[in-house]
Amino acid sequence: MLIEPATFLPALMQDFYAAGGKIVVTEFPDRSQESSLDESVIINCIGLGSRDLFSDNGLIPIKGQLTFLLPQPEVEYIMISGGLYMFPRSDGILLGGSFERKVFTPEPDPQVAKSLSGP
């Protein structure tokens, strides 16, 4: 199933808030502060920091990159080939499929971007 994030996510957030949901962004210098929260549901969005915060060396990063091309309304098909993919969206054409195990840097790699967009 594919969705248009620019359409789906605002609708999802509207439903969430209408149902009484709230988002609270909080920083935790260590795990001890987590137990002081009153919330019944906590969503962990720590990302790379989760490994250090929870002392879980079994957690390894897998870095993926996306490249966006300008929107092209005439492109109405999806392509998947050899682990790479192309999805047309209203906000641009998404190219992806990179997969790098144990890469801790969040900075984009220009060589990977070039491999996604072709010669």
PDB file of N, CA and C in Angstrom:
ATOM      1  N   MET A   1       0.842  -1.165   0.000  1.00  0.00           N
ATOM      2  CA  MET A   1       0.000   0.000   0.000  1.00  0.00           C
ATOM      3  C   MET A   1       0.890   1.231   0.000  1.00  0.00           C
ATOM      4  N   LEU A   2       0.589   2.173  -0.827  1.00  0.00           N
ATOM      5  CA  LEU A   2       1.308   3.438  -0.874  1.00  0.00           C
ATOM      6  C   LEU A   2       0.375   4.558  -0.459  1.00  0.00           C
ATOM      7  N   ILE A   3       0.942   5.541   0.198  1.00  0.00           N
ATOM      8  CA  ILE A   3       0.166   6.713   0.597  1.00  0.00           C
ATOM      9  C   ILE A   3       0.877   7.962   0.112  1.00  0.00           C
ATOM     10  N   GLU A   4       0.161   9.060   0.050  1.00  0.00           N
ATOM     11  CA  GLU A   4       0.740  10.368  -0.212  1.00  0.00           C
ATOM     12  C   GLU A   4       0.963  11.011   1.153  1.00  0.00           C
ATOM     13  N   PRO A   5       2.210  11.019   1.655  1.00  0.00           N
ATOM     14  CA  PRO A   5       2.456  11.575   2.985  1.00  0.00           C
ATOM     15  C   PRO A   5       1.944  13.005   3.164  1.00  0.00           C
ATOM     16  N   ALA A   6       2.054  13.830   2.131  1.00  0.00           N
ATOM     17  CA  ALA A   6       1.616  15.229   2.246  1.00  0.00           C
ATOM     18  C   ALA A   6       0.105  15.335   2.455  1.00  0.00           C
ATOM     19  N   THR A   7      -0.642  14.318   2.058  1.00  0.00           N
ATOM     20  CA  THR A   7      -2.097  14.287   2.262  1.00  0.00           C
ATOM     21  C   THR A   7      -2.456  13.483   3.511  1.00  0.00           C
ATOM     22  N   PHE A   8      -1.859  12.310   3.651  1.00  0.00           N
ATOM     23  CA  PHE A   8      -2.222  11.379   4.720  1.00  0.00           C
ATOM     24  C   PHE A   8      -1.822  11.885   6.107  1.00  0.00           C
ATOM     25  N   LEU A   9      -0.602  12.385   6.263  1.00  0.00           N
ATOM     26  CA  LEU A   9      -0.137  12.760   7.606  1.00  0.00           C
ATOM     27  C   LEU A   9      -0.926  13.915   8.224  1.00  0.00           C
ATOM     28  N   PRO A  10      -1.234  14.990   7.490  1.00  0.00           N
ATOM     29  CA  PRO A  10      -2.090  16.024   8.107  1.00  0.00           C
ATOM     30  C   PRO A  10      -3.475  15.487   8.495  1.00  0.00           C
ATOM     31  N   ALA A  11      -4.053  14.601   7.671  1.00  0.00           N
ATOM     32  CA  ALA A  11      -5.362  14.016   8.009  1.00  0.00           C
ATOM     33  C   ALA A  11      -5.247  13.149   9.260  1.00  0.00           C
ATOM     34  N   LEU A  12      -4.168  12.385   9.363  1.00  0.00           N
ATOM     35  CA  LEU A  12      -3.942  11.543  10.538  1.00  0.00           C
ATOM     36  C   LEU A  12      -3.795  12.403  11.798  1.00  0.00           C
ATOM     37  N   MET A  13      -3.026  13.473  11.689  1.00  0.00           N
ATOM     38  CA  MET A  13      -2.848  14.364  12.844  1.00  0.00           C
ATOM     39  C   MET A  13      -4.168  15.026  13.240  1.00  0.00           C
ATOM     40  N   GLN A  14      -4.965  15.409  12.269  1.00  0.00           N
ATOM     41  CA  GLN A  14      -6.267  16.018  12.565  1.00  0.00           C
ATOM     42  C   GLN A  14      -7.147  15.034  13.335  1.00  0.00           C
ATOM     43  N   ASP A  15      -7.174  13.783  12.908  1.00  0.00           N
ATOM     44  CA  ASP A  15      -7.950  12.756  13.616  1.00  0.00           C
ATOM     45  C   ASP A  15      -7.408  12.527  15.026  1.00  0.00           C
ATOM     46  N   PHE A  16      -6.088  12.512  15.154  1.00  0.00           N
ATOM     47  CA  PHE A  16      -5.444  12.303  16.448  1.00  0.00           C
ATOM     48  C   PHE A  16      -5.840  13.402  17.440  1.00  0.00           C
ATOM     49  N   TYR A  17      -5.730  14.658  16.997  1.00  0.00           N
ATOM     50  CA  TYR A  17      -6.096  15.776  17.872  1.00  0.00           C
ATOM     51  C   TYR A  17      -7.604  15.786  18.167  1.00  0.00           C
ATOM     52  N   ALA A  18      -8.428  15.457  17.174  1.00  0.00           N
ATOM     53  CA  ALA A  18      -9.884  15.434  17.368  1.00  0.00           C
ATOM     54  C   ALA A  18     -10.285  14.380  18.395  1.00  0.00           C
ATOM     55  N   ALA A  19      -9.494  13.318  18.498  1.00  0.00           N
ATOM     56  CA  ALA A  19      -9.778  12.253  19.468  1.00  0.00           C
ATOM     57  C   ALA A  19      -9.187  12.567  20.841  1.00  0.00           C
ATOM     58  N   GLY A  20      -8.638  13.782  21.006  1.00  0.00           N
ATOM     59  CA  GLY A  20      -8.104  14.185  22.306  1.00  0.00           C
ATOM     60  C   GLY A  20      -6.622  13.925  22.475  1.00  0.00           C
ATOM     61  N   GLY A  21      -5.945  13.513  21.412  1.00  0.00           N
ATOM     62  CA  GLY A  21      -4.509  13.248  21.504  1.00  0.00           C
ATOM     63  C   GLY A  21      -3.707  14.529  21.646  1.00  0.00           C
ATOM     64  N   LYS A  22      -2.538  14.398  22.201  1.00  0.00           N
ATOM     65  CA  LYS A  22      -1.629  15.546  22.292  1.00  0.00           C
ATOM     66  C   LYS A  22      -0.211  15.034  22.100  1.00  0.00           C
ATOM     67  N   ILE A  23       0.629  15.916  21.639  1.00  0.00           N
ATOM     68  CA  ILE A  23       2.036  15.585  21.438  1.00  0.00           C
ATOM     69  C   ILE A  23       2.843  16.449  22.380  1.00  0.00           C
ATOM     70  N   VAL A  24       3.694  15.805  23.148  1.00  0.00           N
ATOM     71  CA  VAL A  24       4.580  16.506  24.067  1.00  0.00           C
ATOM     72  C   VAL A  24       5.998  16.077  23.713  1.00  0.00           C
ATOM     73  N   VAL A  25       6.820  17.030  23.331  1.00  0.00           N
ATOM     74  CA  VAL A  25       8.209  16.738  23.004  1.00  0.00           C
ATOM     75  C   VAL A  25       9.038  16.982  24.256  1.00  0.00           C
ATOM     76  N   THR A  26       9.776  15.966  24.681  1.00  0.00           N
ATOM     77  CA  THR A  26      10.548  16.036  25.915  1.00  0.00           C
ATOM     78  C   THR A  26      11.937  15.471  25.679  1.00  0.00           C
ATOM     79  N   GLU A  27      12.916  16.070  26.294  1.00  0.00           N
ATOM     80  CA  GLU A  27      14.278  15.545  26.212  1.00  0.00           C
ATOM     81  C   GLU A  27      14.618  14.816  27.503  1.00  0.00           C
ATOM     82  N   PHE A  28      15.272  13.664  27.366  1.00  0.00           N
ATOM     83  CA  PHE A  28      15.695  12.869  28.504  1.00  0.00           C
ATOM     84  C   PHE A  28      17.215  12.729  28.474  1.00  0.00           C
ATOM     85  N   PRO A  29      17.908  13.355  29.413  1.00  0.00           N
ATOM     86  CA  PRO A  29      19.352  13.157  29.447  1.00  0.00           C
ATOM     87  C   PRO A  29      19.720  11.731  29.869  1.00  0.00           C
ATOM     88  N   ASP A  30      18.800  11.071  30.594  1.00  0.00           N
ATOM     89  CA  ASP A  30      19.013   9.666  30.970  1.00  0.00           C
ATOM     90  C   ASP A  30      17.654   9.004  31.171  1.00  0.00           C
ATOM     91  N   ARG A  31      17.644   7.692  31.332  1.00  0.00           N
ATOM     92  CA  ARG A  31      16.397   6.921  31.403  1.00  0.00           C
ATOM     93  C   ARG A  31      15.578   7.178  32.660  1.00  0.00           C
ATOM     94  N   SER A  32      16.174   7.655  33.705  1.00  0.00           N
ATOM     95  CA  SER A  32      15.453   7.792  34.970  1.00  0.00           C
ATOM     96  C   SER A  32      14.251   8.729  34.861  1.00  0.00           C
ATOM     97  N   GLN A  33      14.288   9.698  33.980  1.00  0.00           N
ATOM     98  CA  GLN A  33      13.176  10.647  33.857  1.00  0.00           C
ATOM     99  C   GLN A  33      11.943  10.034  33.199  1.00  0.00           C
ATOM    100  N   GLU A  34      12.123   8.949  32.475  1.00  0.00           N
ATOM    101  CA  GLU A  34      10.994   8.309  31.795  1.00  0.00           C
ATOM    102  C   GLU A  34       9.929   7.852  32.797  1.00  0.00           C
ATOM    103  N   SER A  35      10.344   7.338  33.934  1.00  0.00           N
ATOM    104  CA  SER A  35       9.391   6.819  34.922  1.00  0.00           C
ATOM    105  C   SER A  35       8.569   7.921  35.589  1.00  0.00           C
ATOM    106  N   SER A  36       8.987   9.183  35.446  1.00  0.00           N
ATOM    107  CA  SER A  36       8.246  10.282  36.071  1.00  0.00           C
ATOM    108  C   SER A  36       7.079  10.762  35.209  1.00  0.00           C
ATOM    109  N   LEU A  37       6.926  10.215  34.014  1.00  0.00           N
ATOM    110  CA  LEU A  37       5.852  10.653  33.127  1.00  0.00           C
ATOM    111  C   LEU A  37       4.503  10.076  33.553  1.00  0.00           C
ATOM    112  N   ASP A  38       3.449  10.850  33.390  1.00  0.00           N
ATOM    113  CA  ASP A  38       2.092  10.409  33.730  1.00  0.00           C
ATOM    114  C   ASP A  38       1.382   9.741  32.551  1.00  0.00           C
ATOM    115  N   GLU A  39       1.931   9.865  31.364  1.00  0.00           N
ATOM    116  CA  GLU A  39       1.270   9.359  30.165  1.00  0.00           C
ATOM    117  C   GLU A  39       1.182   7.838  30.187  1.00  0.00           C
ATOM    118  N   SER A  40       0.068   7.313  29.664  1.00  0.00           N
ATOM    119  CA  SER A  40      -0.101   5.859  29.592  1.00  0.00           C
ATOM    120  C   SER A  40       0.560   5.276  28.341  1.00  0.00           C
ATOM    121  N   VAL A  41       0.801   6.131  27.334  1.00  0.00           N
ATOM    122  CA  VAL A  41       1.464   5.685  26.104  1.00  0.00           C
ATOM    123  C   VAL A  41       2.622   6.628  25.816  1.00  0.00           C
ATOM    124  N   ILE A  42       3.775   6.046  25.568  1.00  0.00           N
ATOM    125  CA  ILE A  42       4.964   6.820  25.204  1.00  0.00           C
ATOM    126  C   ILE A  42       5.485   6.252  23.887  1.00  0.00           C
ATOM    127  N   ILE A  43       5.702   7.125  22.923  1.00  0.00           N
ATOM    128  CA  ILE A  43       6.242   6.688  21.639  1.00  0.00           C
ATOM    129  C   ILE A  43       7.706   7.104  21.590  1.00  0.00           C
ATOM    130  N   ASN A  44       8.566   6.115  21.448  1.00  0.00           N
ATOM    131  CA  ASN A  44      10.003   6.342  21.418  1.00  0.00           C
ATOM    132  C   ASN A  44      10.412   6.744  20.008  1.00  0.00           C
ATOM    133  N   CYS A  45      10.847   7.983  19.845  1.00  0.00           N
ATOM    134  CA  CYS A  45      11.311   8.480  18.545  1.00  0.00           C
ATOM    135  C   CYS A  45      12.766   8.923  18.646  1.00  0.00           C
ATOM    136  N   ILE A  46      13.524   8.232  19.452  1.00  0.00           N
ATOM    137  CA  ILE A  46      14.896   8.644  19.739  1.00  0.00           C
ATOM    138  C   ILE A  46      15.838   8.412  18.562  1.00  0.00           C
ATOM    139  N   GLY A  47      15.598   7.381  17.798  1.00  0.00           N
ATOM    140  CA  GLY A  47      16.469   7.096  16.665  1.00  0.00           C
ATOM    141  C   GLY A  47      17.825   6.589  17.124  1.00  0.00           C
ATOM    142  N   LEU A  48      18.884   7.142  16.569  1.00  0.00           N
ATOM    143  CA  LEU A  48      20.242   6.680  16.895  1.00  0.00           C
ATOM    144  C   LEU A  48      20.566   6.799  18.381  1.00  0.00           C
ATOM    145  N   GLY A  49      19.982   7.762  19.074  1.00  0.00           N
ATOM    146  CA  GLY A  49      20.266   7.942  20.494  1.00  0.00           C
ATOM    147  C   GLY A  49      19.754   6.812  21.367  1.00  0.00           C
ATOM    148  N   SER A  50      18.829   6.013  20.860  1.00  0.00           N
ATOM    149  CA  SER A  50      18.252   4.917  21.630  1.00  0.00           C
ATOM    150  C   SER A  50      19.302   3.898  22.055  1.00  0.00           C
ATOM    151  N   ARG A  51      20.281   3.654  21.220  1.00  0.00           N
ATOM    152  CA  ARG A  51      21.350   2.692  21.521  1.00  0.00           C
ATOM    153  C   ARG A  51      22.091   3.083  22.801  1.00  0.00           C
ATOM    154  N   ASP A  52      22.448   4.359  22.911  1.00  0.00           N
ATOM    155  CA  ASP A  52      23.187   4.835  24.086  1.00  0.00           C
ATOM    156  C   ASP A  52      22.286   4.977  25.308  1.00  0.00           C
ATOM    157  N   LEU A  53      21.098   5.549  25.110  1.00  0.00           N
ATOM    158  CA  LEU A  53      20.195   5.801  26.234  1.00  0.00           C
ATOM    159  C   LEU A  53      19.792   4.512  26.939  1.00  0.00           C
ATOM    160  N   PHE A  54      19.577   3.439  26.175  1.00  0.00           N
ATOM    161  CA  PHE A  54      19.146   2.178  26.762  1.00  0.00           C
ATOM    162  C   PHE A  54      20.259   1.137  26.840  1.00  0.00           C
ATOM    163  N   SER A  55      21.496   1.562  26.609  1.00  0.00           N
ATOM    164  CA  SER A  55      22.672   0.674  26.691  1.00  0.00           C
ATOM    165  C   SER A  55      22.435  -0.631  25.932  1.00  0.00           C
ATOM    166  N   ASP A  56      21.957  -0.503  24.716  1.00  0.00           N
ATOM    167  CA  ASP A  56      21.637  -1.673  23.899  1.00  0.00           C
ATOM    168  C   ASP A  56      22.583  -1.740  22.704  1.00  0.00           C
ATOM    169  N   ASN A  57      23.743  -2.369  22.901  1.00  0.00           N
ATOM    170  CA  ASN A  57      24.726  -2.454  21.823  1.00  0.00           C
ATOM    171  C   ASN A  57      24.312  -3.409  20.715  1.00  0.00           C
ATOM    172  N   GLY A  58      23.238  -4.154  20.922  1.00  0.00           N
ATOM    173  CA  GLY A  58      22.724  -5.020  19.880  1.00  0.00           C
ATOM    174  C   GLY A  58      21.959  -4.229  18.815  1.00  0.00           C
ATOM    175  N   LEU A  59      21.611  -3.007  19.142  1.00  0.00           N
ATOM    176  CA  LEU A  59      20.897  -2.156  18.201  1.00  0.00           C
ATOM    177  C   LEU A  59      21.902  -1.575  17.205  1.00  0.00           C
ATOM    178  N   ILE A  60      21.711  -1.836  15.934  1.00  0.00           N
ATOM    179  CA  ILE A  60      22.622  -1.284  14.931  1.00  0.00           C
ATOM    180  C   ILE A  60      21.827  -0.419  13.955  1.00  0.00           C
ATOM    181  N   PRO A  61      22.437   0.661  13.507  1.00  0.00           N
ATOM    182  CA  PRO A  61      21.726   1.516  12.554  1.00  0.00           C
ATOM    183  C   PRO A  61      21.752   0.922  11.155  1.00  0.00           C
ATOM    184  N   ILE A  62      20.706   1.211  10.424  1.00  0.00           N
ATOM    185  CA  ILE A  62      20.652   0.912   8.998  1.00  0.00           C
ATOM    186  C   ILE A  62      20.243   2.219   8.324  1.00  0.00           C
ATOM    187  N   LYS A  63      21.183   2.770   7.572  1.00  0.00           N
ATOM    188  CA  LYS A  63      20.963   4.071   6.948  1.00  0.00           C
ATOM    189  C   LYS A  63      20.417   3.886   5.540  1.00  0.00           C
ATOM    190  N   GLY A  64      19.367   4.619   5.260  1.00  0.00           N
ATOM    191  CA  GLY A  64      18.813   4.652   3.914  1.00  0.00           C
ATOM    192  C   GLY A  64      18.718   6.095   3.461  1.00  0.00           C
ATOM    193  N   GLN A  65      18.833   6.305   2.192  1.00  0.00           N
ATOM    194  CA  GLN A  65      18.725   7.657   1.648  1.00  0.00           C
ATOM    195  C   GLN A  65      17.625   7.694   0.609  1.00  0.00           C
ATOM    196  N   LEU A  66      17.021   8.863   0.493  1.00  0.00           N
ATOM    197  CA  LEU A  66      16.003   9.114  -0.525  1.00  0.00           C
ATOM    198  C   LEU A  66      16.450  10.302  -1.363  1.00  0.00           C
ATOM    199  N   THR A  67      16.085  10.286  -2.619  1.00  0.00           N
ATOM    200  CA  THR A  67      16.322  11.418  -3.508  1.00  0.00           C
ATOM    201  C   THR A  67      14.971  11.792  -4.096  1.00  0.00           C
ATOM    202  N   PHE A  68      14.693  13.093  -4.176  1.00  0.00           N
ATOM    203  CA  PHE A  68      13.448  13.563  -4.764  1.00  0.00           C
ATOM    204  C   PHE A  68      13.737  14.330  -6.046  1.00  0.00           C
ATOM    205  N   LEU A  69      12.982  14.007  -7.073  1.00  0.00           N
ATOM    206  CA  LEU A  69      13.010  14.764  -8.314  1.00  0.00           C
ATOM    207  C   LEU A  69      11.813  15.701  -8.324  1.00  0.00           C
ATOM    208  N   LEU A  70      11.846  16.697  -9.181  1.00  0.00           N
ATOM    209  CA  LEU A  70      10.705  17.599  -9.296  1.00  0.00           C
ATOM    210  C   LEU A  70       9.462  16.808  -9.709  1.00  0.00           C
ATOM    211  N   PRO A  71       8.272  17.284  -9.317  1.00  0.00           N
ATOM    212  CA  PRO A  71       7.047  16.581  -9.704  1.00  0.00           C
ATOM    213  C   PRO A  71       6.927  16.481 -11.230  1.00  0.00           C
ATOM    214  N   GLN A  72       6.456  15.348 -11.689  1.00  0.00           N
ATOM    215  CA  GLN A  72       6.223  15.118 -13.115  1.00  0.00           C
ATOM    216  C   GLN A  72       4.871  14.408 -13.233  1.00  0.00           C
ATOM    217  N   PRO A  73       3.790  15.159 -13.360  1.00  0.00           N
ATOM    218  CA  PRO A  73       2.444  14.571 -13.359  1.00  0.00           C
ATOM    219  C   PRO A  73       2.241  13.477 -14.409  1.00  0.00           C
ATOM    220  N   GLU A  74       3.008  13.513 -15.481  1.00  0.00           N
ATOM    221  CA  GLU A  74       2.832  12.495 -16.524  1.00  0.00           C
ATOM    222  C   GLU A  74       3.377  11.131 -16.103  1.00  0.00           C
ATOM    223  N   VAL A  75       4.178  11.078 -15.049  1.00  0.00           N
ATOM    224  CA  VAL A  75       4.703   9.803 -14.559  1.00  0.00           C
ATOM    225  C   VAL A  75       3.669   9.206 -13.608  1.00  0.00           C
ATOM    226  N   GLU A  76       3.006   8.154 -14.054  1.00  0.00           N
ATOM    227  CA  GLU A  76       1.918   7.544 -13.290  1.00  0.00           C
ATOM    228  C   GLU A  76       2.186   6.071 -13.005  1.00  0.00           C
ATOM    229  N   TYR A  77       3.442   5.680 -12.887  1.00  0.00           N
ATOM    230  CA  TYR A  77       3.777   4.277 -12.662  1.00  0.00           C
ATOM    231  C   TYR A  77       4.861   4.180 -11.588  1.00  0.00           C
ATOM    232  N   ILE A  78       4.949   3.007 -11.014  1.00  0.00           N
ATOM    233  CA  ILE A  78       5.947   2.694  -9.982  1.00  0.00           C
ATOM    234  C   ILE A  78       6.948   1.734 -10.601  1.00  0.00           C
ATOM    235  N   MET A  79       8.206   1.909 -10.237  1.00  0.00           N
ATOM    236  CA  MET A  79       9.226   0.956 -10.681  1.00  0.00           C
ATOM    237  C   MET A  79       9.987   0.438  -9.465  1.00  0.00           C
ATOM    238  N   ILE A  80      10.215  -0.865  -9.444  1.00  0.00           N
ATOM    239  CA  ILE A  80      11.031  -1.506  -8.421  1.00  0.00           C
ATOM    240  C   ILE A  80      11.958  -2.460  -9.155  1.00  0.00           C
ATOM    241  N   SER A  81      13.258  -2.284  -8.947  1.00  0.00           N
ATOM    242  CA  SER A  81      14.222  -3.113  -9.669  1.00  0.00           C
ATOM    243  C   SER A  81      15.519  -3.224  -8.872  1.00  0.00           C
ATOM    244  N   GLY A  82      15.929  -4.444  -8.593  1.00  0.00           N
ATOM    245  CA  GLY A  82      17.209  -4.668  -7.926  1.00  0.00           C
ATOM    246  C   GLY A  82      17.344  -3.973  -6.578  1.00  0.00           C
ATOM    247  N   GLY A  83      16.251  -3.828  -5.853  1.00  0.00           N
ATOM    248  CA  GLY A  83      16.302  -3.182  -4.542  1.00  0.00           C
ATOM    249  C   GLY A  83      16.107  -1.672  -4.603  1.00  0.00           C
ATOM    250  N   LEU A  84      16.118  -1.083  -5.789  1.00  0.00           N
ATOM    251  CA  LEU A  84      15.860   0.349  -5.941  1.00  0.00           C
ATOM    252  C   LEU A  84      14.397   0.547  -6.313  1.00  0.00           C
ATOM    253  N   TYR A  85      13.873   1.737  -6.018  1.00  0.00           N
ATOM    254  CA  TYR A  85      12.474   1.992  -6.342  1.00  0.00           C
ATOM    255  C   TYR A  85      12.243   3.432  -6.739  1.00  0.00           C
ATOM    256  N   MET A  86      11.135   3.647  -7.455  1.00  0.00           N
ATOM    257  CA  MET A  86      10.708   4.976  -7.857  1.00  0.00           C
ATOM    258  C   MET A  86       9.200   5.047  -7.646  1.00  0.00           C
ATOM    259  N   PHE A  87       8.754   6.041  -6.866  1.00  0.00           N
ATOM    260  CA  PHE A  87       7.334   6.237  -6.615  1.00  0.00           C
ATOM    261  C   PHE A  87       6.967   7.666  -6.992  1.00  0.00           C
ATOM    262  N   PRO A  88       6.058   7.851  -7.930  1.00  0.00           N
ATOM    263  CA  PRO A  88       5.611   9.220  -8.219  1.00  0.00           C
ATOM    264  C   PRO A  88       4.648   9.689  -7.131  1.00  0.00           C
ATOM    265  N   ARG A  89       4.796  10.954  -6.752  1.00  0.00           N
ATOM    266  CA  ARG A  89       3.912  11.569  -5.768  1.00  0.00           C
ATOM    267  C   ARG A  89       3.572  12.970  -6.246  1.00  0.00           C
ATOM    268  N   SER A  90       2.590  13.584  -5.628  1.00  0.00           N
ATOM    269  CA  SER A  90       2.205  14.936  -6.049  1.00  0.00           C
ATOM    270  C   SER A  90       3.302  15.957  -5.734  1.00  0.00           C
ATOM    271  N   ASP A  91       4.130  15.683  -4.714  1.00  0.00           N
ATOM    272  CA  ASP A  91       5.177  16.635  -4.331  1.00  0.00           C
ATOM    273  C   ASP A  91       6.539  16.314  -4.953  1.00  0.00           C
ATOM    274  N   GLY A  92       6.628  15.292  -5.771  1.00  0.00           N
ATOM    275  CA  GLY A  92       7.879  14.953  -6.434  1.00  0.00           C
ATOM    276  C   GLY A  92       7.966  13.466  -6.698  1.00  0.00           C
ATOM    277  N   ILE A  93       9.026  13.068  -7.356  1.00  0.00           N
ATOM    278  CA  ILE A  93       9.257  11.648  -7.611  1.00  0.00           C
ATOM    279  C   ILE A  93      10.289  11.158  -6.618  1.00  0.00           C
ATOM    280  N   LEU A  94       9.917  10.153  -5.862  1.00  0.00           N
ATOM    281  CA  LEU A  94      10.767   9.600  -4.813  1.00  0.00           C
ATOM    282  C   LEU A  94      11.613   8.468  -5.380  1.00  0.00           C
ATOM    283  N   LEU A  95      12.930   8.576  -5.196  1.00  0.00           N
ATOM    284  CA  LEU A  95      13.854   7.521  -5.582  1.00  0.00           C
ATOM    285  C   LEU A  95      14.508   7.004  -4.314  1.00  0.00           C
ATOM    286  N   GLY A  96      14.588   5.703  -4.154  1.00  0.00           N
ATOM    287  CA  GLY A  96      15.174   5.157  -2.934  1.00  0.00           C
ATOM    288  C   GLY A  96      15.635   3.734  -3.102  1.00  0.00           C
ATOM    289  N   GLY A  97      16.011   3.175  -1.971  1.00  0.00           N
ATOM    290  CA  GLY A  97      16.429   1.782  -1.950  1.00  0.00           C
ATOM    291  C   GLY A  97      17.825   1.570  -1.403  1.00  0.00           C
ATOM    292  N   SER A  98      18.488   2.632  -0.953  1.00  0.00           N
ATOM    293  CA  SER A  98      19.819   2.416  -0.380  1.00  0.00           C
ATOM    294  C   SER A  98      19.683   1.782   0.998  1.00  0.00           C
ATOM    295  N   PHE A  99      20.679   1.017   1.387  1.00  0.00           N
ATOM    296  CA  PHE A  99      20.616   0.233   2.627  1.00  0.00           C
ATOM    297  C   PHE A  99      22.046   0.024   3.104  1.00  0.00           C
ATOM    298  N   GLU A 100      22.438   0.754   4.157  1.00  0.00           N
ATOM    299  CA  GLU A 100      23.808   0.660   4.662  1.00  0.00           C
ATOM    300  C   GLU A 100      23.782   0.269   6.139  1.00  0.00           C
ATOM    301  N   ARG A 101      24.218  -0.949   6.432  1.00  0.00           N
ATOM    302  CA  ARG A 101      24.264  -1.435   7.813  1.00  0.00           C
ATOM    303  C   ARG A 101      25.431  -0.796   8.564  1.00  0.00           C
ATOM    304  N   LYS A 102      25.199  -0.523   9.837  1.00  0.00           N
ATOM    305  CA  LYS A 102      26.209  -0.003  10.760  1.00  0.00           C
ATOM    306  C   LYS A 102      26.781   1.346  10.349  1.00  0.00           C
ATOM    307  N   VAL A 103      25.992   2.170   9.687  1.00  0.00           N
ATOM    308  CA  VAL A 103      26.412   3.532   9.336  1.00  0.00           C
ATOM    309  C   VAL A 103      25.715   4.468  10.313  1.00  0.00           C
ATOM    310  N   PHE A 104      26.512   5.139  11.146  1.00  0.00           N
ATOM    311  CA  PHE A 104      25.977   5.976  12.218  1.00  0.00           C
ATOM    312  C   PHE A 104      25.785   7.435  11.819  1.00  0.00           C
ATOM    313  N   THR A 105      26.285   7.864  10.671  1.00  0.00           N
ATOM    314  CA  THR A 105      26.205   9.277  10.297  1.00  0.00           C
ATOM    315  C   THR A 105      24.877   9.590   9.618  1.00  0.00           C
ATOM    316  N   PRO A 106      24.231  10.680  10.029  1.00  0.00           N
ATOM    317  CA  PRO A 106      22.965  11.049   9.387  1.00  0.00           C
ATOM    318  C   PRO A 106      23.163  11.873   8.109  1.00  0.00           C
ATOM    319  N   GLU A 107      24.396  12.317   7.833  1.00  0.00           N
ATOM    320  CA  GLU A 107      24.629  13.159   6.664  1.00  0.00           C
ATOM    321  C   GLU A 107      24.429  12.352   5.375  1.00  0.00           C
ATOM    322  N   PRO A 108      23.818  12.978   4.369  1.00  0.00           N
ATOM    323  CA  PRO A 108      23.651  12.297   3.086  1.00  0.00           C
ATOM    324  C   PRO A 108      25.003  12.020   2.431  1.00  0.00           C
ATOM    325  N   ASP A 109      25.089  10.939   1.711  1.00  0.00           N
ATOM    326  CA  ASP A 109      26.284  10.572   0.961  1.00  0.00           C
ATOM    327  C   ASP A 109      26.019  10.883  -0.505  1.00  0.00           C
ATOM    328  N   PRO A 110      26.730  11.867  -1.074  1.00  0.00           N
ATOM    329  CA  PRO A 110      26.490  12.255  -2.471  1.00  0.00           C
ATOM    330  C   PRO A 110      26.629  11.092  -3.460  1.00  0.00           C
ATOM    331  N   GLN A 111      27.525  10.147  -3.188  1.00  0.00           N
ATOM    332  CA  GLN A 111      27.697   9.007  -4.084  1.00  0.00           C
ATOM    333  C   GLN A 111      26.463   8.109  -4.072  1.00  0.00           C
ATOM    334  N   VAL A 112      25.868   7.917  -2.898  1.00  0.00           N
ATOM    335  CA  VAL A 112      24.650   7.108  -2.793  1.00  0.00           C
ATOM    336  C   VAL A 112      23.509   7.831  -3.521  1.00  0.00           C
ATOM    337  N   ALA A 113      23.404   9.149  -3.322  1.00  0.00           N
ATOM    338  CA  ALA A 113      22.358   9.914  -4.000  1.00  0.00           C
ATOM    339  C   ALA A 113      22.504   9.776  -5.509  1.00  0.00           C
ATOM    340  N   LYS A 114      23.730   9.836  -5.991  1.00  0.00           N
ATOM    341  CA  LYS A 114      23.959   9.712  -7.428  1.00  0.00           C
ATOM    342  C   LYS A 114      23.559   8.315  -7.917  1.00  0.00           C
ATOM    343  N   SER A 115      23.848   7.288  -7.125  1.00  0.00           N
ATOM    344  CA  SER A 115      23.488   5.937  -7.541  1.00  0.00           C
ATOM    345  C   SER A 115      21.979   5.745  -7.604  1.00  0.00           C
ATOM    346  N   LEU A 116      21.236   6.505  -6.789  1.00  0.00           N
ATOM    347  CA  LEU A 116      19.781   6.395  -6.800  1.00  0.00           C
ATOM    348  C   LEU A 116      19.176   7.107  -8.007  1.00  0.00           C
ATOM    349  N   SER A 117      19.807   8.213  -8.414  1.00  0.00           N
ATOM    350  CA  SER A 117      19.215   9.020  -9.496  1.00  0.00           C
ATOM    351  C   SER A 117      19.768   8.665 -10.868  1.00  0.00           C
ATOM    352  N   GLY A 118      20.732   7.789 -10.934  1.00  0.00           N
ATOM    353  CA  GLY A 118      21.236   7.333 -12.224  1.00  0.00           C
ATOM    354  C   GLY A 118      22.402   8.169 -12.727  1.00  0.00           C
ATOM    355  N   PRO A 119      22.873   7.851 -13.922  1.00  0.00           N
ATOM    356  CA  PRO A 119      24.052   8.531 -14.468  1.00  0.00           C
ATOM    357  C   PRO A 119      23.838   9.987 -14.773  1.00  0.00           C
TER     358      PRO A 119
END
